[in-house]
Protein backbone atom coordinates (compact mmCIF):
# COMPACT_ATOMS: atom_id res chain seq x y z
CA UNK A 1 15.39 -31.84 54.68
CA UNK A 2 14.24 -33.91 51.75
CA UNK A 3 15.85 -32.88 48.50
CA UNK A 4 13.72 -32.38 45.39
CA UNK A 5 14.93 -34.12 42.28
CA UNK A 6 14.48 -31.43 39.60
CA UNK A 7 15.38 -33.90 36.86
CA UNK A 8 12.42 -36.13 37.65
CA UNK A 9 9.49 -36.18 35.22
CA UNK A 10 10.84 -33.39 33.00
CA UNK A 11 9.08 -32.64 29.68
CA UNK A 12 10.77 -32.16 26.34
CA UNK A 13 11.50 -28.78 24.73
CA UNK A 14 8.95 -29.57 22.01
CA UNK A 15 6.23 -30.22 24.61
CA UNK A 16 7.13 -26.99 26.40
CA UNK A 17 6.81 -25.06 23.17
CA UNK A 18 3.39 -26.55 22.49
CA UNK A 19 2.20 -25.59 25.97
CA UNK A 20 3.52 -22.05 25.53
CA UNK A 21 1.92 -21.67 22.10
CA UNK A 22 -1.43 -22.88 23.43
CA UNK A 23 -1.29 -20.47 26.37
CA UNK A 24 -0.62 -17.54 24.03
CA UNK A 25 -3.92 -18.16 22.24
CA UNK A 26 -5.80 -17.03 25.33
CA UNK A 27 -3.97 -13.74 25.74
CA UNK A 28 -6.09 -10.64 25.32
CA UNK A 29 -4.63 -8.35 22.67
CA UNK A 30 -4.81 -4.58 23.11
CA UNK A 31 -5.11 -2.12 20.24
CA UNK A 32 -3.66 1.34 19.81
CA UNK A 33 -3.99 4.04 17.15
CA UNK A 34 -0.80 5.47 15.66
CA UNK A 35 0.19 7.82 12.89
CA UNK A 36 0.76 5.54 9.89
CA UNK A 37 4.36 6.83 9.57
CA UNK A 38 5.18 5.13 12.90
CA UNK A 39 3.69 1.71 12.12
CA UNK A 40 6.52 -0.07 10.28
CA UNK A 41 6.78 -3.73 11.42
CA UNK A 42 3.57 -3.44 13.45
CA UNK A 43 0.51 -5.67 12.98
CA UNK A 44 -2.67 -4.17 11.56
CA UNK A 45 -5.68 -4.45 13.87
CA UNK A 46 -8.20 -3.45 11.18
CA UNK A 47 -8.85 -3.78 7.47
CA UNK A 48 -7.76 -0.77 5.44
CA UNK A 49 -10.41 0.25 2.92
CA UNK A 50 -9.63 2.99 0.40
CA UNK A 51 -11.87 6.05 0.67
CA UNK A 52 -10.59 7.44 -2.64
CA UNK A 53 -9.76 6.39 -6.18
CA UNK A 54 -6.08 6.19 -7.11
CA UNK A 55 -5.47 8.03 -9.30
CA UNK A 56 -8.29 10.45 -8.48
CA UNK A 57 -8.65 11.50 -12.12
CA UNK A 58 -7.59 10.29 -15.53
CA UNK A 59 -4.04 11.48 -16.12
CA UNK A 60 -1.24 11.29 -18.62
CA UNK A 61 1.26 8.46 -18.34
CA UNK A 62 3.86 10.28 -20.48
CA UNK A 63 5.06 13.68 -21.62
CA UNK A 64 3.48 14.50 -24.96
CA UNK A 65 0.39 15.93 -26.61
CA UNK A 66 -3.23 15.27 -25.69
CA UNK A 67 -5.86 15.10 -28.43
CA UNK A 68 -9.26 13.76 -29.35
CA UNK A 69 -8.68 10.75 -31.58
CA UNK A 70 -11.53 11.68 -33.92
CA UNK A 71 -9.38 14.55 -35.17
CA UNK A 72 -7.44 12.06 -37.31
CA UNK A 73 -10.49 11.76 -39.57
CA UNK A 74 -9.57 15.17 -40.96
CA UNK A 75 -5.79 15.50 -40.58
CA UNK A 76 -2.69 14.59 -38.60
CA UNK A 77 -1.95 18.31 -38.09
CA UNK A 78 -3.17 19.98 -34.90
CA UNK A 79 -3.24 23.45 -33.41
CA UNK A 80 -1.73 23.61 -29.90
CA UNK A 81 -4.08 25.69 -27.75
CA UNK A 82 -2.74 25.20 -24.22
CA UNK A 83 -1.08 22.85 -21.78
CA UNK A 84 -1.80 20.69 -18.76
CA UNK A 85 0.64 20.44 -15.86
CA UNK A 86 0.56 18.45 -12.60
CA UNK A 87 -1.55 20.50 -10.21
CA UNK A 88 -2.68 22.83 -12.98
CA UNK A 89 -4.93 20.99 -15.46
CA UNK A 90 -6.18 22.43 -18.72
CA UNK A 91 -9.61 23.90 -18.03
CA UNK A 92 -11.25 24.05 -21.46
CA UNK A 93 -12.76 21.69 -24.03
CA UNK A 94 -10.66 20.66 -27.02
CA UNK A 95 -12.20 21.06 -30.44
CA UNK A 96 -11.54 18.73 -33.34
CA UNK A 97 -8.07 19.52 -34.70
CA UNK A 98 -6.78 20.98 -31.43
CA UNK A 99 -4.15 19.63 -29.03
CA UNK A 100 -2.53 20.55 -25.74
CA UNK A 101 0.94 19.99 -24.37
CA UNK A 102 0.68 17.58 -21.44
CA UNK A 103 3.14 16.34 -18.82
CA UNK A 104 3.34 13.05 -16.95
CA UNK A 105 0.83 12.92 -14.12
CA UNK A 106 -1.24 15.86 -15.39
CA UNK A 107 -4.96 15.44 -14.86
CA UNK A 108 -7.26 14.96 -17.84
CA UNK A 109 -10.67 16.34 -16.97
CA UNK A 110 -13.93 15.10 -18.49
CA UNK A 111 -14.64 18.48 -20.03
CA UNK A 112 -11.27 18.43 -21.85
CA UNK A 113 -12.68 16.05 -24.50
CA UNK A 114 -9.29 14.24 -24.53
CA UNK A 115 -9.09 10.49 -25.12
CA UNK A 116 -5.52 9.93 -26.37
CA UNK A 117 -1.99 11.11 -25.54
CA UNK A 118 0.76 10.98 -28.17
CA UNK A 119 4.42 10.47 -27.29
CA UNK A 120 6.44 13.67 -27.55
CA UNK A 121 9.08 11.94 -29.68
CA UNK A 122 6.43 10.91 -32.24
CA UNK A 123 5.40 14.50 -32.85
CA UNK A 124 6.88 17.62 -34.48
CA UNK A 125 5.97 21.07 -33.17
CA UNK A 126 6.61 24.32 -35.04
CA UNK A 127 5.01 27.66 -34.19
CA UNK A 128 2.12 26.05 -32.29
CA UNK A 129 1.43 23.77 -35.24
CA UNK A 130 1.73 20.10 -34.31
CA UNK A 131 2.33 17.30 -36.75
CA UNK A 132 1.81 13.78 -35.41
CA UNK A 133 4.32 11.58 -37.23
CA UNK A 134 3.10 8.25 -35.90
CA UNK A 135 -0.62 7.68 -35.37
CA UNK A 136 -1.27 6.28 -31.87
CA UNK A 137 -3.88 3.78 -30.78
CA UNK A 138 -7.02 5.41 -29.40
CA UNK A 139 -6.81 5.67 -25.60
CA UNK A 140 -3.01 5.41 -25.54
CA UNK A 141 -0.95 6.65 -22.57
CA UNK A 142 -3.82 7.54 -20.25
CA UNK A 143 -3.96 6.19 -16.70
CA UNK A 144 -7.62 5.86 -15.81
CA UNK A 145 -9.30 7.06 -12.63
CA UNK A 146 -9.15 4.26 -10.03
CA UNK A 147 -6.79 2.18 -12.17
CA UNK A 148 -4.46 1.45 -9.25
CA UNK A 149 -6.97 1.43 -6.38
CA UNK A 150 -10.74 1.88 -6.53
CA UNK A 151 -12.80 3.62 -3.88
CA UNK A 152 -14.08 1.15 -1.21
CA UNK A 153 -11.48 -1.44 -2.29
CA UNK A 154 -9.79 -3.55 0.40
CA UNK A 155 -6.12 -2.58 0.30
CA UNK A 156 -4.63 -4.19 3.45
CA UNK A 157 -6.11 -7.01 5.52
CA UNK A 158 -6.28 -7.11 9.30
CA UNK A 159 -3.30 -9.06 10.70
CA UNK A 160 -0.84 -7.87 8.05
CA UNK A 161 2.67 -6.96 9.18
CA UNK A 162 3.28 -3.45 7.87
CA UNK A 163 6.32 -3.18 5.60
CA UNK A 164 8.27 -0.09 4.56
CA UNK A 165 6.71 -0.18 1.09
CA UNK A 166 3.23 -0.20 2.68
CA UNK A 167 3.85 3.22 4.21
CA UNK A 168 4.06 4.77 0.74
CA UNK A 169 0.76 3.14 -0.19
CA UNK A 170 -0.84 4.41 3.03
CA UNK A 171 0.35 7.90 2.18
CA UNK A 172 -1.27 7.70 -1.26
CA UNK A 173 -4.50 6.59 0.45
CA UNK A 174 -4.33 9.84 2.45
CA UNK A 175 -4.41 7.99 5.77
CA UNK A 176 -3.47 9.65 9.03
CA UNK A 177 -3.87 7.16 11.87
CA UNK A 178 -4.27 3.38 11.73
CA UNK A 179 -5.08 0.81 14.40
CA UNK A 180 -2.33 -1.68 15.26
CA UNK A 181 -1.80 -4.30 17.95
CA UNK A 182 0.05 -3.10 21.01
CA UNK A 183 3.53 -4.48 21.48
CA UNK A 184 3.95 -7.18 24.12
CA UNK A 185 6.59 -6.97 26.80
CA UNK A 186 9.12 -9.73 26.39
CA UNK A 187 10.85 -11.38 29.33
CA UNK A 188 13.79 -13.63 28.51
CA UNK A 189 15.01 -16.34 30.86
CA UNK A 190 18.62 -17.49 30.46
CA UNK A 191 19.58 -21.05 29.66
CA UNK A 192 20.24 -23.46 32.51
CA UNK A 193 17.33 -21.99 34.50
CA UNK A 194 14.87 -24.53 35.82
CA UNK A 195 11.14 -23.94 36.09
CA UNK A 196 8.72 -25.56 38.47
CA UNK A 197 5.17 -26.23 37.40
CA UNK A 198 2.52 -23.73 38.41
CA UNK A 199 -1.01 -24.99 39.07
CA UNK A 200 -3.79 -24.56 38.18
CA UNK A 201 -3.02 -21.99 35.47
CA UNK A 202 -0.44 -24.02 33.56
CA UNK A 203 -0.35 -27.77 33.78
CA UNK A 204 3.36 -28.37 33.14
CA UNK A 205 6.20 -30.40 34.58
CA UNK A 206 9.69 -29.25 35.37
CA UNK A 207 11.69 -28.33 32.29
CA UNK A 208 15.40 -27.70 31.68
CA UNK A 209 17.52 -26.56 29.95
CA UNK A 210 15.61 -24.17 27.73
CA UNK A 211 15.64 -20.56 26.63
CA UNK A 212 12.10 -19.56 27.39
CA UNK A 213 10.29 -16.45 26.31
CA UNK A 214 7.13 -15.54 28.13
CA UNK A 215 4.60 -12.88 27.16
CA UNK A 216 3.11 -10.56 29.74
C-alpha cells in the first residue's frame, strides 16, 4: 500500500488562521433573549435605547435646604415649611421666603417652585427658622431630569460585550430582557494532530502541528 506523505505541501500556521477566520465570517449567528442579569460577558445583538429619562425628575444632589432663589431679594432668612425625602417628595408650592429640608436624591417637582439647593453646612436652623450663611449660586446642587441619560438616547450599541458595570446601567434603564448572540460550541483539537484537507467546503492543505479551534 502506498504511504501518504503528510508532511508534503503543508501550509503555515498563519495561513491556517487566515482560512479559519475567513470561514467564520460565513457562519450564521443565532440570537436569544435573556434576563439582563444573566448577560455578563455576552455580546449584544441589538442597540439599547433608553425609554426613560435618568433621572426621571429633577432631584437634589446634596442634603440641605431647597429654596426659590428670588427669596434672597428680601432676606437670607427663611421659614421651613416641610421636607422632601427619596420616594416622598414635597407636594406643595414654595412661597417667597419659604424653604424645605431636602435629602440627596429627593425629587424636586415643577409645582414646588424650587430652583436652588443650599448645603446643609452653610445654613443655620433654629425653631424652623433658617438662616443661610453663604449665598449659593442660582441652580446649585440640582441634578436635572435626563441629565445622565435622555429618553430615546442610544446607551449601548449592538455588538458590545456586556461588562459587570453595564448591568447596573441596564437596571437603571428598567430593562428586563435583552437580545444577545448565542454562545458557540467550541471543539479543541490537541497539538500534534494532523488534518487532511476537505473539499469543496474548505480549500486547505495538510497542516501540523497546530492547536486548532473550530466553531460549530
